[in-house]
Amino acid sequence: MRIGELARVTGASPRSLRYYEEQHLLSSNRSTSGQRLYTDAARERVLLIQRLYQAGLCSSTIAELLPCITDPAARTPLLRDRLISERARISAQVDSLGETLVSLDAVVGALGTGDSSD
C-alpha cells in the first residue's frame, strides 16, 4: 500500500510515517517511480508504534524495544529488562494519573452542581 493509504488506515500522517522510517521504526520498498510501498504488516506495526509513543516512549527507546516486541528470536535478557523497566515507568504514570483524577473529582464535587440554589 502507498503512504496515503497507510496514513488513512492508521490515522498517522504521511509526515509521521516518513519520520518513523527516518528513525528506523518502519520500512518500505520503493516503486519504480520512487513512491513508498508498505506491506500489509506495516499497519499493525504503525499502530504499535503509536501506542508506544502514547505511552511516553521516545523514538530511540521504541527502536530499541521493537525487536523484543515483534520478533521472539530477538528477545534477550537485556531487552527484557528494558521492557520491564519501561512497563514499571508507565505503571507509575498510571498510578499518578489516578491520584490526579481523584483530586480533580474532589474539586468538582466541592464546586457543587453550579445551580444558584447551592
PDB file of N, CA and C in Angstrom:
ATOM      1  N   MET A   1       0.842  -1.177   0.000  1.00  0.00           N
ATOM      2  CA  MET A   1       0.000   0.000   0.000  1.00  0.00           C
ATOM      3  C   MET A   1       0.884   1.236   0.000  1.00  0.00           C
ATOM      4  N   ARG A   2       0.367   2.305  -0.523  1.00  0.00           N
ATOM      5  CA  ARG A   2       1.107   3.561  -0.582  1.00  0.00           C
ATOM      6  C   ARG A   2       0.977   4.316   0.733  1.00  0.00           C
ATOM      7  N   ILE A   3       1.784   5.351   0.883  1.00  0.00           N
ATOM      8  CA  ILE A   3       1.841   6.088   2.140  1.00  0.00           C
ATOM      9  C   ILE A   3       0.485   6.698   2.510  1.00  0.00           C
ATOM     10  N   GLY A   4      -0.252   7.205   1.527  1.00  0.00           N
ATOM     11  CA  GLY A   4      -1.563   7.792   1.817  1.00  0.00           C
ATOM     12  C   GLY A   4      -2.549   6.771   2.351  1.00  0.00           C
ATOM     13  N   GLU A   5      -2.518   5.573   1.797  1.00  0.00           N
ATOM     14  CA  GLU A   5      -3.404   4.508   2.269  1.00  0.00           C
ATOM     15  C   GLU A   5      -3.020   4.075   3.674  1.00  0.00           C
ATOM     16  N   LEU A   6      -1.717   3.931   3.944  1.00  0.00           N
ATOM     17  CA  LEU A   6      -1.280   3.555   5.296  1.00  0.00           C
ATOM     18  C   LEU A   6      -1.667   4.644   6.287  1.00  0.00           C
ATOM     19  N   ALA A   7      -1.532   5.892   5.879  1.00  0.00           N
ATOM     20  CA  ALA A   7      -1.934   7.003   6.740  1.00  0.00           C
ATOM     21  C   ALA A   7      -3.431   6.918   7.040  1.00  0.00           C
ATOM     22  N   ARG A   8      -4.225   6.630   6.025  1.00  0.00           N
ATOM     23  CA  ARG A   8      -5.675   6.557   6.206  1.00  0.00           C
ATOM     24  C   ARG A   8      -6.077   5.429   7.163  1.00  0.00           C
ATOM     25  N   VAL A   9      -5.470   4.248   7.017  1.00  0.00           N
ATOM     26  CA  VAL A   9      -5.898   3.106   7.834  1.00  0.00           C
ATOM     27  C   VAL A   9      -5.341   3.139   9.251  1.00  0.00           C
ATOM     28  N   THR A  10      -4.313   3.961   9.485  1.00  0.00           N
ATOM     29  CA  THR A  10      -3.734   4.031  10.833  1.00  0.00           C
ATOM     30  C   THR A  10      -4.033   5.333  11.555  1.00  0.00           C
ATOM     31  N   GLY A  11      -4.432   6.350  10.815  1.00  0.00           N
ATOM     32  CA  GLY A  11      -4.648   7.656  11.427  1.00  0.00           C
ATOM     33  C   GLY A  11      -3.360   8.454  11.598  1.00  0.00           C
ATOM     34  N   ALA A  12      -2.238   7.890  11.176  1.00  0.00           N
ATOM     35  CA  ALA A  12      -0.960   8.603  11.234  1.00  0.00           C
ATOM     36  C   ALA A  12      -0.838   9.490  10.001  1.00  0.00           C
ATOM     37  N   SER A  13      -0.199  10.610  10.157  1.00  0.00           N
ATOM     38  CA  SER A  13       0.005  11.483   8.991  1.00  0.00           C
ATOM     39  C   SER A  13       1.130  10.918   8.127  1.00  0.00           C
ATOM     40  N   PRO A  14       1.122  11.240   6.836  1.00  0.00           N
ATOM     41  CA  PRO A  14       2.250  10.833   5.995  1.00  0.00           C
ATOM     42  C   PRO A  14       3.589  11.335   6.544  1.00  0.00           C
ATOM     43  N   ARG A  15       3.575  12.519   7.115  1.00  0.00           N
ATOM     44  CA  ARG A  15       4.801  13.063   7.720  1.00  0.00           C
ATOM     45  C   ARG A  15       5.285  12.175   8.862  1.00  0.00           C
ATOM     46  N   SER A  16       4.346  11.705   9.699  1.00  0.00           N
ATOM     47  CA  SER A  16       4.722  10.802  10.789  1.00  0.00           C
ATOM     48  C   SER A  16       5.301   9.502  10.248  1.00  0.00           C
ATOM     49  N   LEU A  17       4.699   8.975   9.202  1.00  0.00           N
ATOM     50  CA  LEU A  17       5.191   7.730   8.617  1.00  0.00           C
ATOM     51  C   LEU A  17       6.603   7.900   8.074  1.00  0.00           C
ATOM     52  N   ARG A  18       6.863   9.029   7.439  1.00  0.00           N
ATOM     53  CA  ARG A  18       8.221   9.292   6.962  1.00  0.00           C
ATOM     54  C   ARG A  18       9.193   9.418   8.134  1.00  0.00           C
ATOM     55  N   TYR A  19       8.743  10.050   9.218  1.00  0.00           N
ATOM     56  CA  TYR A  19       9.576  10.165  10.420  1.00  0.00           C
ATOM     57  C   TYR A  19       9.874   8.782  10.995  1.00  0.00           C
ATOM     58  N   TYR A  20       8.869   7.916  11.058  1.00  0.00           N
ATOM     59  CA  TYR A  20       9.101   6.559  11.555  1.00  0.00           C
ATOM     60  C   TYR A  20      10.174   5.861  10.729  1.00  0.00           C
ATOM     61  N   GLU A  21      10.165   6.080   9.435  1.00  0.00           N
ATOM     62  CA  GLU A  21      11.192   5.493   8.578  1.00  0.00           C
ATOM     63  C   GLU A  21      12.563   6.085   8.890  1.00  0.00           C
ATOM     64  N   GLU A  22      12.622   7.398   9.059  1.00  0.00           N
ATOM     65  CA  GLU A  22      13.898   8.051   9.386  1.00  0.00           C
ATOM     66  C   GLU A  22      14.477   7.507  10.686  1.00  0.00           C
ATOM     67  N   GLN A  23      13.600   7.161  11.619  1.00  0.00           N
ATOM     68  CA  GLN A  23      14.021   6.648  12.924  1.00  0.00           C
ATOM     69  C   GLN A  23      14.221   5.127  12.923  1.00  0.00           C
ATOM     70  N   HIS A  24      14.068   4.518  11.762  1.00  0.00           N
ATOM     71  CA  HIS A  24      14.232   3.061  11.583  1.00  0.00           C
ATOM     72  C   HIS A  24      13.202   2.260  12.378  1.00  0.00           C
ATOM     73  N   LEU A  25      12.018   2.824  12.517  1.00  0.00           N
ATOM     74  CA  LEU A  25      10.909   2.134  13.181  1.00  0.00           C
ATOM     75  C   LEU A  25      10.030   1.414  12.167  1.00  0.00           C
ATOM     76  N   LEU A  26      10.085   1.848  10.931  1.00  0.00           N
ATOM     77  CA  LEU A  26       9.228   1.354   9.864  1.00  0.00           C
ATOM     78  C   LEU A  26      10.046   1.320   8.583  1.00  0.00           C
ATOM     79  N   SER A  27       9.758   0.370   7.732  1.00  0.00           N
ATOM     80  CA  SER A  27      10.476   0.312   6.460  1.00  0.00           C
ATOM     81  C   SER A  27       9.479   0.172   5.314  1.00  0.00           C
ATOM     82  N   SER A  28       9.946   0.562   4.149  1.00  0.00           N
ATOM     83  CA  SER A  28       9.125   0.450   2.953  1.00  0.00           C
ATOM     84  C   SER A  28      10.018   0.072   1.783  1.00  0.00           C
ATOM     85  N   ASN A  29       9.392  -0.356   0.734  1.00  0.00           N
ATOM     86  CA  ASN A  29      10.071  -0.553  -0.540  1.00  0.00           C
ATOM     87  C   ASN A  29       9.701   0.633  -1.412  1.00  0.00           C
ATOM     88  N   ARG A  30      10.410   0.793  -2.506  1.00  0.00           N
ATOM     89  CA  ARG A  30      10.103   1.886  -3.420  1.00  0.00           C
ATOM     90  C   ARG A  30       9.622   1.319  -4.749  1.00  0.00           C
ATOM     91  N   SER A  31       8.612   1.972  -5.290  1.00  0.00           N
ATOM     92  CA  SER A  31       8.143   1.612  -6.633  1.00  0.00           C
ATOM     93  C   SER A  31       9.147   2.127  -7.651  1.00  0.00           C
ATOM     94  N   THR A  32       8.967   1.754  -8.881  1.00  0.00           N
ATOM     95  CA  THR A  32       9.873   2.241  -9.931  1.00  0.00           C
ATOM     96  C   THR A  32       9.812   3.750 -10.073  1.00  0.00           C
ATOM     97  N   SER A  33       8.680   4.337  -9.676  1.00  0.00           N
ATOM     98  CA  SER A  33       8.559   5.800  -9.737  1.00  0.00           C
ATOM     99  C   SER A  33       9.008   6.467  -8.424  1.00  0.00           C
ATOM    100  N   GLY A  34       9.508   5.661  -7.469  1.00  0.00           N
ATOM    101  CA  GLY A  34      10.041   6.224  -6.229  1.00  0.00           C
ATOM    102  C   GLY A  34       9.049   6.354  -5.090  1.00  0.00           C
ATOM    103  N   GLN A  35       7.814   5.924  -5.280  1.00  0.00           N
ATOM    104  CA  GLN A  35       6.824   6.020  -4.207  1.00  0.00           C
ATOM    105  C   GLN A  35       7.066   4.939  -3.165  1.00  0.00           C
ATOM    106  N   ARG A  36       6.789   5.286  -1.912  1.00  0.00           N
ATOM    107  CA  ARG A  36       6.913   4.319  -0.834  1.00  0.00           C
ATOM    108  C   ARG A  36       5.787   3.285  -0.951  1.00  0.00           C
ATOM    109  N   LEU A  37       6.156   2.029  -0.771  1.00  0.00           N
ATOM    110  CA  LEU A  37       5.178   0.945  -0.758  1.00  0.00           C
ATOM    111  C   LEU A  37       5.360   0.144   0.527  1.00  0.00           C
ATOM    112  N   TYR A  38       4.268  -0.045   1.238  1.00  0.00           N
ATOM    113  CA  TYR A  38       4.305  -0.738   2.523  1.00  0.00           C
ATOM    114  C   TYR A  38       3.578  -2.072   2.414  1.00  0.00           C
ATOM    115  N   THR A  39       4.020  -3.026   3.205  1.00  0.00           N
ATOM    116  CA  THR A  39       3.334  -4.314   3.274  1.00  0.00           C
ATOM    117  C   THR A  39       2.103  -4.175   4.158  1.00  0.00           C
ATOM    118  N   ASP A  40       1.244  -5.166   4.133  1.00  0.00           N
ATOM    119  CA  ASP A  40       0.062  -5.149   4.996  1.00  0.00           C
ATOM    120  C   ASP A  40       0.457  -5.167   6.470  1.00  0.00           C
ATOM    121  N   ALA A  41       1.594  -5.779   6.796  1.00  0.00           N
ATOM    122  CA  ALA A  41       2.060  -5.844   8.186  1.00  0.00           C
ATOM    123  C   ALA A  41       2.423  -4.458   8.729  1.00  0.00           C
ATOM    124  N   ALA A  42       2.669  -3.500   7.846  1.00  0.00           N
ATOM    125  CA  ALA A  42       3.031  -2.148   8.285  1.00  0.00           C
ATOM    126  C   ALA A  42       1.908  -1.515   9.091  1.00  0.00           C
ATOM    127  N   ARG A  43       0.665  -1.853   8.789  1.00  0.00           N
ATOM    128  CA  ARG A  43      -0.473  -1.290   9.518  1.00  0.00           C
ATOM    129  C   ARG A  43      -0.357  -1.602  11.005  1.00  0.00           C
ATOM    130  N   GLU A  44      -0.172  -2.870  11.335  1.00  0.00           N
ATOM    131  CA  GLU A  44      -0.063  -3.261  12.747  1.00  0.00           C
ATOM    132  C   GLU A  44       1.176  -2.662  13.400  1.00  0.00           C
ATOM    133  N   ARG A  45       2.249  -2.580  12.650  1.00  0.00           N
ATOM    134  CA  ARG A  45       3.481  -2.004  13.198  1.00  0.00           C
ATOM    135  C   ARG A  45       3.284  -0.526  13.527  1.00  0.00           C
ATOM    136  N   VAL A  46       2.631   0.217  12.633  1.00  0.00           N
ATOM    137  CA  VAL A  46       2.377   1.640  12.897  1.00  0.00           C
ATOM    138  C   VAL A  46       1.468   1.797  14.114  1.00  0.00           C
ATOM    139  N   LEU A  47       0.448   0.983  14.223  1.00  0.00           N
ATOM    140  CA  LEU A  47      -0.439   1.061  15.392  1.00  0.00           C
ATOM    141  C   LEU A  47       0.327   0.774  16.679  1.00  0.00           C
ATOM    142  N   LEU A  48       1.246  -0.186  16.639  1.00  0.00           N
ATOM    143  CA  LEU A  48       2.090  -0.479  17.804  1.00  0.00           C
ATOM    144  C   LEU A  48       2.994   0.708  18.118  1.00  0.00           C
ATOM    145  N   ILE A  49       3.618   1.278  17.116  1.00  0.00           N
ATOM    146  CA  ILE A  49       4.484   2.443  17.315  1.00  0.00           C
ATOM    147  C   ILE A  49       3.679   3.582  17.944  1.00  0.00           C
ATOM    148  N   GLN A  50       2.477   3.818  17.460  1.00  0.00           N
ATOM    149  CA  GLN A  50       1.635   4.882  18.011  1.00  0.00           C
ATOM    150  C   GLN A  50       1.309   4.617  19.481  1.00  0.00           C
ATOM    151  N   ARG A  51       0.997   3.365  19.809  1.00  0.00           N
ATOM    152  CA  ARG A  51       0.704   3.035  21.212  1.00  0.00           C
ATOM    153  C   ARG A  51       1.927   3.267  22.096  1.00  0.00           C
ATOM    154  N   LEU A  52       3.093   2.923  21.598  1.00  0.00           N
ATOM    155  CA  LEU A  52       4.311   3.132  22.383  1.00  0.00           C
ATOM    156  C   LEU A  52       4.603   4.616  22.567  1.00  0.00           C
ATOM    157  N   TYR A  53       4.384   5.416  21.528  1.00  0.00           N
ATOM    158  CA  TYR A  53       4.522   6.872  21.677  1.00  0.00           C
ATOM    159  C   TYR A  53       3.514   7.396  22.701  1.00  0.00           C
ATOM    160  N   GLN A  54       2.274   6.935  22.618  1.00  0.00           N
ATOM    161  CA  GLN A  54       1.246   7.391  23.552  1.00  0.00           C
ATOM    162  C   GLN A  54       1.591   7.021  24.991  1.00  0.00           C
ATOM    163  N   ALA A  55       2.336   5.936  25.153  1.00  0.00           N
ATOM    164  CA  ALA A  55       2.754   5.511  26.489  1.00  0.00           C
ATOM    165  C   ALA A  55       3.929   6.334  27.006  1.00  0.00           C
ATOM    166  N   GLY A  56       4.463   7.226  26.171  1.00  0.00           N
ATOM    167  CA  GLY A  56       5.520   8.118  26.603  1.00  0.00           C
ATOM    168  C   GLY A  56       6.923   7.684  26.222  1.00  0.00           C
ATOM    169  N   LEU A  57       7.053   6.657  25.394  1.00  0.00           N
ATOM    170  CA  LEU A  57       8.376   6.229  24.966  1.00  0.00           C
ATOM    171  C   LEU A  57       8.865   7.127  23.834  1.00  0.00           C
ATOM    172  N   CYS A  58      10.155   7.399  23.821  1.00  0.00           N
ATOM    173  CA  CYS A  58      10.738   8.197  22.740  1.00  0.00           C
ATOM    174  C   CYS A  58      11.147   7.269  21.597  1.00  0.00           C
ATOM    175  N   SER A  59      11.445   7.849  20.441  1.00  0.00           N
ATOM    176  CA  SER A  59      11.732   7.045  19.257  1.00  0.00           C
ATOM    177  C   SER A  59      12.949   6.141  19.444  1.00  0.00           C
ATOM    178  N   SER A  60      13.972   6.607  20.146  1.00  0.00           N
ATOM    179  CA  SER A  60      15.155   5.760  20.333  1.00  0.00           C
ATOM    180  C   SER A  60      14.830   4.561  21.225  1.00  0.00           C
ATOM    181  N   THR A  61      13.987   4.754  22.224  1.00  0.00           N
ATOM    182  CA  THR A  61      13.577   3.642  23.077  1.00  0.00           C
ATOM    183  C   THR A  61      12.696   2.678  22.308  1.00  0.00           C
ATOM    184  N   ILE A  62      11.793   3.217  21.497  1.00  0.00           N
ATOM    185  CA  ILE A  62      10.939   2.359  20.672  1.00  0.00           C
ATOM    186  C   ILE A  62      11.797   1.532  19.731  1.00  0.00           C
ATOM    187  N   ALA A  63      12.783   2.161  19.100  1.00  0.00           N
ATOM    188  CA  ALA A  63      13.666   1.436  18.182  1.00  0.00           C
ATOM    189  C   ALA A  63      14.412   0.320  18.903  1.00  0.00           C
ATOM    190  N   GLU A  64      14.773   0.579  20.136  1.00  0.00           N
ATOM    191  CA  GLU A  64      15.481  -0.423  20.932  1.00  0.00           C
ATOM    192  C   GLU A  64      14.575  -1.590  21.317  1.00  0.00           C
ATOM    193  N   LEU A  65      13.315  -1.284  21.620  1.00  0.00           N
ATOM    194  CA  LEU A  65      12.408  -2.302  22.138  1.00  0.00           C
ATOM    195  C   LEU A  65      11.587  -3.031  21.081  1.00  0.00           C
ATOM    196  N   LEU A  66      11.390  -2.423  19.918  1.00  0.00           N
ATOM    197  CA  LEU A  66      10.553  -3.051  18.891  1.00  0.00           C
ATOM    198  C   LEU A  66      10.968  -4.484  18.555  1.00  0.00           C
ATOM    199  N   PRO A  67      12.256  -4.764  18.390  1.00  0.00           N
ATOM    200  CA  PRO A  67      12.609  -6.151  18.075  1.00  0.00           C
ATOM    201  C   PRO A  67      12.151  -7.131  19.159  1.00  0.00           C
ATOM    202  N   CYS A  68      12.249  -6.718  20.397  1.00  0.00           N
ATOM    203  CA  CYS A  68      11.836  -7.567  21.511  1.00  0.00           C
ATOM    204  C   CYS A  68      10.338  -7.837  21.466  1.00  0.00           C
ATOM    205  N   ILE A  69       9.585  -6.878  21.002  1.00  0.00           N
ATOM    206  CA  ILE A  69       8.133  -6.998  20.964  1.00  0.00           C
ATOM    207  C   ILE A  69       7.671  -7.795  19.747  1.00  0.00           C
ATOM    208  N   THR A  70       8.296  -7.552  18.605  1.00  0.00           N
ATOM    209  CA  THR A  70       7.789  -8.115  17.350  1.00  0.00           C
ATOM    210  C   THR A  70       8.471  -9.389  16.893  1.00  0.00           C
ATOM    211  N   ASP A  71       9.655  -9.690  17.425  1.00  0.00           N
ATOM    212  CA  ASP A  71      10.398 -10.860  16.955  1.00  0.00           C
ATOM    213  C   ASP A  71      10.887 -11.684  18.144  1.00  0.00           C
ATOM    214  N   PRO A  72      10.240 -12.807  18.431  1.00  0.00           N
ATOM    215  CA  PRO A  72      10.650 -13.627  19.575  1.00  0.00           C
ATOM    216  C   PRO A  72      12.129 -14.031  19.536  1.00  0.00           C
ATOM    217  N   ALA A  73      12.701 -14.185  18.362  1.00  0.00           N
ATOM    218  CA  ALA A  73      14.106 -14.572  18.257  1.00  0.00           C
ATOM    219  C   ALA A  73      15.047 -13.462  18.728  1.00  0.00           C
ATOM    220  N   ALA A  74      14.569 -12.225  18.746  1.00  0.00           N
ATOM    221  CA  ALA A  74      15.397 -11.083  19.141  1.00  0.00           C
ATOM    222  C   ALA A  74      15.336 -10.800  20.632  1.00  0.00           C
ATOM    223  N   ARG A  75      14.567 -11.564  21.358  1.00  0.00           N
ATOM    224  CA  ARG A  75      14.395 -11.301  22.793  1.00  0.00           C
ATOM    225  C   ARG A  75      15.623 -11.746  23.573  1.00  0.00           C
ATOM    226  N   THR A  76      16.227 -10.774  24.216  1.00  0.00           N
ATOM    227  CA  THR A  76      17.407 -11.042  25.033  1.00  0.00           C
ATOM    228  C   THR A  76      17.093 -10.630  26.462  1.00  0.00           C
ATOM    229  N   PRO A  77      17.858 -11.119  27.429  1.00  0.00           N
ATOM    230  CA  PRO A  77      17.637 -10.681  28.812  1.00  0.00           C
ATOM    231  C   PRO A  77      17.745  -9.167  28.974  1.00  0.00           C
ATOM    232  N   LEU A  78      18.668  -8.539  28.245  1.00  0.00           N
ATOM    233  CA  LEU A  78      18.826  -7.088  28.341  1.00  0.00           C
ATOM    234  C   LEU A  78      17.579  -6.364  27.829  1.00  0.00           C
ATOM    235  N   LEU A  79      17.069  -6.777  26.671  1.00  0.00           N
ATOM    236  CA  LEU A  79      15.859  -6.149  26.142  1.00  0.00           C
ATOM    237  C   LEU A  79      14.659  -6.426  27.042  1.00  0.00           C
ATOM    238  N   ARG A  80      14.599  -7.623  27.593  1.00  0.00           N
ATOM    239  CA  ARG A  80      13.507  -7.967  28.519  1.00  0.00           C
ATOM    240  C   ARG A  80      13.546  -7.034  29.728  1.00  0.00           C
ATOM    241  N   ASP A  81      14.737  -6.825  30.303  1.00  0.00           N
ATOM    242  CA  ASP A  81      14.875  -5.935  31.455  1.00  0.00           C
ATOM    243  C   ASP A  81      14.477  -4.505  31.096  1.00  0.00           C
ATOM    244  N   ARG A  82      14.851  -4.078  29.898  1.00  0.00           N
ATOM    245  CA  ARG A  82      14.498  -2.725  29.447  1.00  0.00           C
ATOM    246  C   ARG A  82      12.989  -2.586  29.296  1.00  0.00           C
ATOM    247  N   LEU A  83      12.358  -3.602  28.762  1.00  0.00           N
ATOM    248  CA  LEU A  83      10.907  -3.600  28.601  1.00  0.00           C
ATOM    249  C   LEU A  83      10.210  -3.590  29.961  1.00  0.00           C
ATOM    250  N   ILE A  84      10.711  -4.358  30.892  1.00  0.00           N
ATOM    251  CA  ILE A  84      10.155  -4.377  32.252  1.00  0.00           C
ATOM    252  C   ILE A  84      10.314  -3.009  32.905  1.00  0.00           C
ATOM    253  N   SER A  85      11.453  -2.373  32.679  1.00  0.00           N
ATOM    254  CA  SER A  85      11.690  -1.042  33.234  1.00  0.00           C
ATOM    255  C   SER A  85      10.704  -0.022  32.665  1.00  0.00           C
ATOM    256  N   GLU A  86      10.475  -0.069  31.361  1.00  0.00           N
ATOM    257  CA  GLU A  86       9.516   0.844  30.742  1.00  0.00           C
ATOM    258  C   GLU A  86       8.100   0.569  31.247  1.00  0.00           C
ATOM    259  N   ARG A  87       7.779  -0.700  31.425  1.00  0.00           N
ATOM    260  CA  ARG A  87       6.456  -1.050  31.945  1.00  0.00           C
ATOM    261  C   ARG A  87       6.268  -0.481  33.355  1.00  0.00           C
ATOM    262  N   ALA A  88       7.295  -0.576  34.183  1.00  0.00           N
ATOM    263  CA  ALA A  88       7.213  -0.037  35.544  1.00  0.00           C
ATOM    264  C   ALA A  88       7.039   1.481  35.518  1.00  0.00           C
ATOM    265  N   ARG A  89       7.747   2.147  34.609  1.00  0.00           N
ATOM    266  CA  ARG A  89       7.616   3.600  34.486  1.00  0.00           C
ATOM    267  C   ARG A  89       6.201   3.987  34.084  1.00  0.00           C
ATOM    268  N   ILE A  90       5.638   3.262  33.121  1.00  0.00           N
ATOM    269  CA  ILE A  90       4.280   3.540  32.659  1.00  0.00           C
ATOM    270  C   ILE A  90       3.279   3.251  33.774  1.00  0.00           C
ATOM    271  N   SER A  91       3.486   2.176  34.504  1.00  0.00           N
ATOM    272  CA  SER A  91       2.594   1.843  35.616  1.00  0.00           C
ATOM    273  C   SER A  91       2.598   2.948  36.673  1.00  0.00           C
ATOM    274  N   ALA A  92       3.769   3.503  36.956  1.00  0.00           N
ATOM    275  CA  ALA A  92       3.860   4.609  37.916  1.00  0.00           C
ATOM    276  C   ALA A  92       3.110   5.837  37.394  1.00  0.00           C
ATOM    277  N   GLN A  93       3.186   6.070  36.083  1.00  0.00           N
ATOM    278  CA  GLN A  93       2.439   7.189  35.489  1.00  0.00           C
ATOM    279  C   GLN A  93       0.936   6.974  35.639  1.00  0.00           C
ATOM    280  N   VAL A  94       0.485   5.754  35.414  1.00  0.00           N
ATOM    281  CA  VAL A  94      -0.937   5.438  35.549  1.00  0.00           C
ATOM    282  C   VAL A  94      -1.387   5.677  36.996  1.00  0.00           C
ATOM    283  N   ASP A  95      -0.580   5.237  37.954  1.00  0.00           N
ATOM    284  CA  ASP A  95      -0.915   5.455  39.367  1.00  0.00           C
ATOM    285  C   ASP A  95      -1.010   6.948  39.678  1.00  0.00           C
ATOM    286  N   SER A  96      -0.058   7.713  39.173  1.00  0.00           N
ATOM    287  CA  SER A  96      -0.050   9.153  39.408  1.00  0.00           C
ATOM    288  C   SER A  96      -1.270   9.816  38.767  1.00  0.00           C
ATOM    289  N   LEU A  97      -1.623   9.394  37.561  1.00  0.00           N
ATOM    290  CA  LEU A  97      -2.809   9.945  36.901  1.00  0.00           C
ATOM    291  C   LEU A  97      -4.077   9.595  37.677  1.00  0.00           C
ATOM    292  N   GLY A  98      -4.113   8.399  38.247  1.00  0.00           N
ATOM    293  CA  GLY A  98      -5.257   8.013  39.073  1.00  0.00           C
ATOM    294  C   GLY A  98      -5.405   8.921  40.285  1.00  0.00           C
ATOM    295  N   GLU A  99      -4.284   9.248  40.915  1.00  0.00           N
ATOM    296  CA  GLU A  99      -4.311  10.160  42.064  1.00  0.00           C
ATOM    297  C   GLU A  99      -4.779  11.550  41.631  1.00  0.00           C
ATOM    298  N   THR A 100      -4.319  11.993  40.486  1.00  0.00           N
ATOM    299  CA  THR A 100      -4.738  13.298  39.963  1.00  0.00           C
ATOM    300  C   THR A 100      -6.234  13.298  39.689  1.00  0.00           C
ATOM    301  N   LEU A 101      -6.745  12.212  39.145  1.00  0.00           N
ATOM    302  CA  LEU A 101      -8.173  12.101  38.866  1.00  0.00           C
ATOM    303  C   LEU A 101      -8.993  12.170  40.149  1.00  0.00           C
ATOM    304  N   VAL A 102      -8.541  11.502  41.192  1.00  0.00           N
ATOM    305  CA  VAL A 102      -9.235  11.556  42.484  1.00  0.00           C
ATOM    306  C   VAL A 102      -9.245  12.998  43.005  1.00  0.00           C
ATOM    307  N   SER A 103      -8.128  13.689  42.888  1.00  0.00           N
ATOM    308  CA  SER A 103      -8.062  15.086  43.341  1.00  0.00           C
ATOM    309  C   SER A 103      -9.016  15.973  42.555  1.00  0.00           C
ATOM    310  N   LEU A 104      -9.047  15.789  41.231  1.00  0.00           N
ATOM    311  CA  LEU A 104      -9.954  16.582  40.408  1.00  0.00           C
ATOM    312  C   LEU A 104     -11.408  16.281  40.732  1.00  0.00           C
ATOM    313  N   ASP A 105     -11.723  15.016  40.977  1.00  0.00           N
ATOM    314  CA  ASP A 105     -13.085  14.649  41.357  1.00  0.00           C
ATOM    315  C   ASP A 105     -13.501  15.341  42.653  1.00  0.00           C
ATOM    316  N   ALA A 106     -12.565  15.446  43.598  1.00  0.00           N
ATOM    317  CA  ALA A 106     -12.864  16.111  44.867  1.00  0.00           C
ATOM    318  C   ALA A 106     -13.147  17.596  44.647  1.00  0.00           C
ATOM    319  N   VAL A 107     -12.377  18.233  43.779  1.00  0.00           N
ATOM    320  CA  VAL A 107     -12.593  19.655  43.493  1.00  0.00           C
ATOM    321  C   VAL A 107     -13.936  19.852  42.806  1.00  0.00           C
ATOM    322  N   VAL A 108     -14.243  19.002  41.819  1.00  0.00           N
ATOM    323  CA  VAL A 108     -15.524  19.107  41.115  1.00  0.00           C
ATOM    324  C   VAL A 108     -16.672  18.890  42.089  1.00  0.00           C
ATOM    325  N   GLY A 109     -16.518  17.919  42.966  1.00  0.00           N
ATOM    326  CA  GLY A 109     -17.565  17.665  43.958  1.00  0.00           C
ATOM    327  C   GLY A 109     -17.766  18.831  44.898  1.00  0.00           C
ATOM    328  N   ALA A 110     -16.687  19.499  45.277  1.00  0.00           N
ATOM    329  CA  ALA A 110     -16.764  20.638  46.182  1.00  0.00           C
ATOM    330  C   ALA A 110     -17.404  21.849  45.512  1.00  0.00           C
ATOM    331  N   LEU A 111     -17.346  21.905  44.192  1.00  0.00           N
ATOM    332  CA  LEU A 111     -17.949  23.033  43.474  1.00  0.00           C
ATOM    333  C   LEU A 111     -19.454  22.921  43.370  1.00  0.00           C
ATOM    334  N   GLY A 112     -19.972  21.739  43.596  1.00  0.00           N
ATOM    335  CA  GLY A 112     -21.412  21.542  43.502  1.00  0.00           C
ATOM    336  C   GLY A 112     -21.871  21.472  42.056  1.00  0.00           C
ATOM    337  N   THR A 113     -23.158  21.628  41.855  1.00  0.00           N
ATOM    338  CA  THR A 113     -23.728  21.481  40.529  1.00  0.00           C
ATOM    339  C   THR A 113     -23.668  22.759  39.699  1.00  0.00           C
ATOM    340  N   GLY A 114     -23.373  23.853  40.312  1.00  0.00           N
ATOM    341  CA  GLY A 114     -23.329  25.105  39.574  1.00  0.00           C
ATOM    342  C   GLY A 114     -24.669  25.819  39.571  1.00  0.00           C
ATOM    343  N   ASP A 115     -25.704  25.210  40.169  1.00  0.00           N
ATOM    344  CA  ASP A 115     -27.017  25.853  40.276  1.00  0.00           C
ATOM    345  C   ASP A 115     -26.928  26.984  41.283  1.00  0.00           C
ATOM    346  N   SER A 116     -27.754  27.984  41.122  1.00  0.00           N
ATOM    347  CA  SER A 116     -27.774  29.087  42.069  1.00  0.00           C
ATOM    348  C   SER A 116     -28.391  28.670  43.394  1.00  0.00           C
ATOM    349  N   SER A 117     -29.009  27.490  43.435  1.00  0.00           N
ATOM    350  CA  SER A 117     -29.632  27.018  44.673  1.00  0.00           C
ATOM    351  C   SER A 117     -28.633  26.382  45.615  1.00  0.00           C
ATOM    352  N   ASP A 118     -27.364  26.203  45.180  1.00  0.00           N
ATOM    353  CA  ASP A 118     -26.333  25.617  46.068  1.00  0.00           C
ATOM    354  C   ASP A 118     -25.804  26.626  47.035  1.00  0.00           C
TER     355      ASP A 118
END
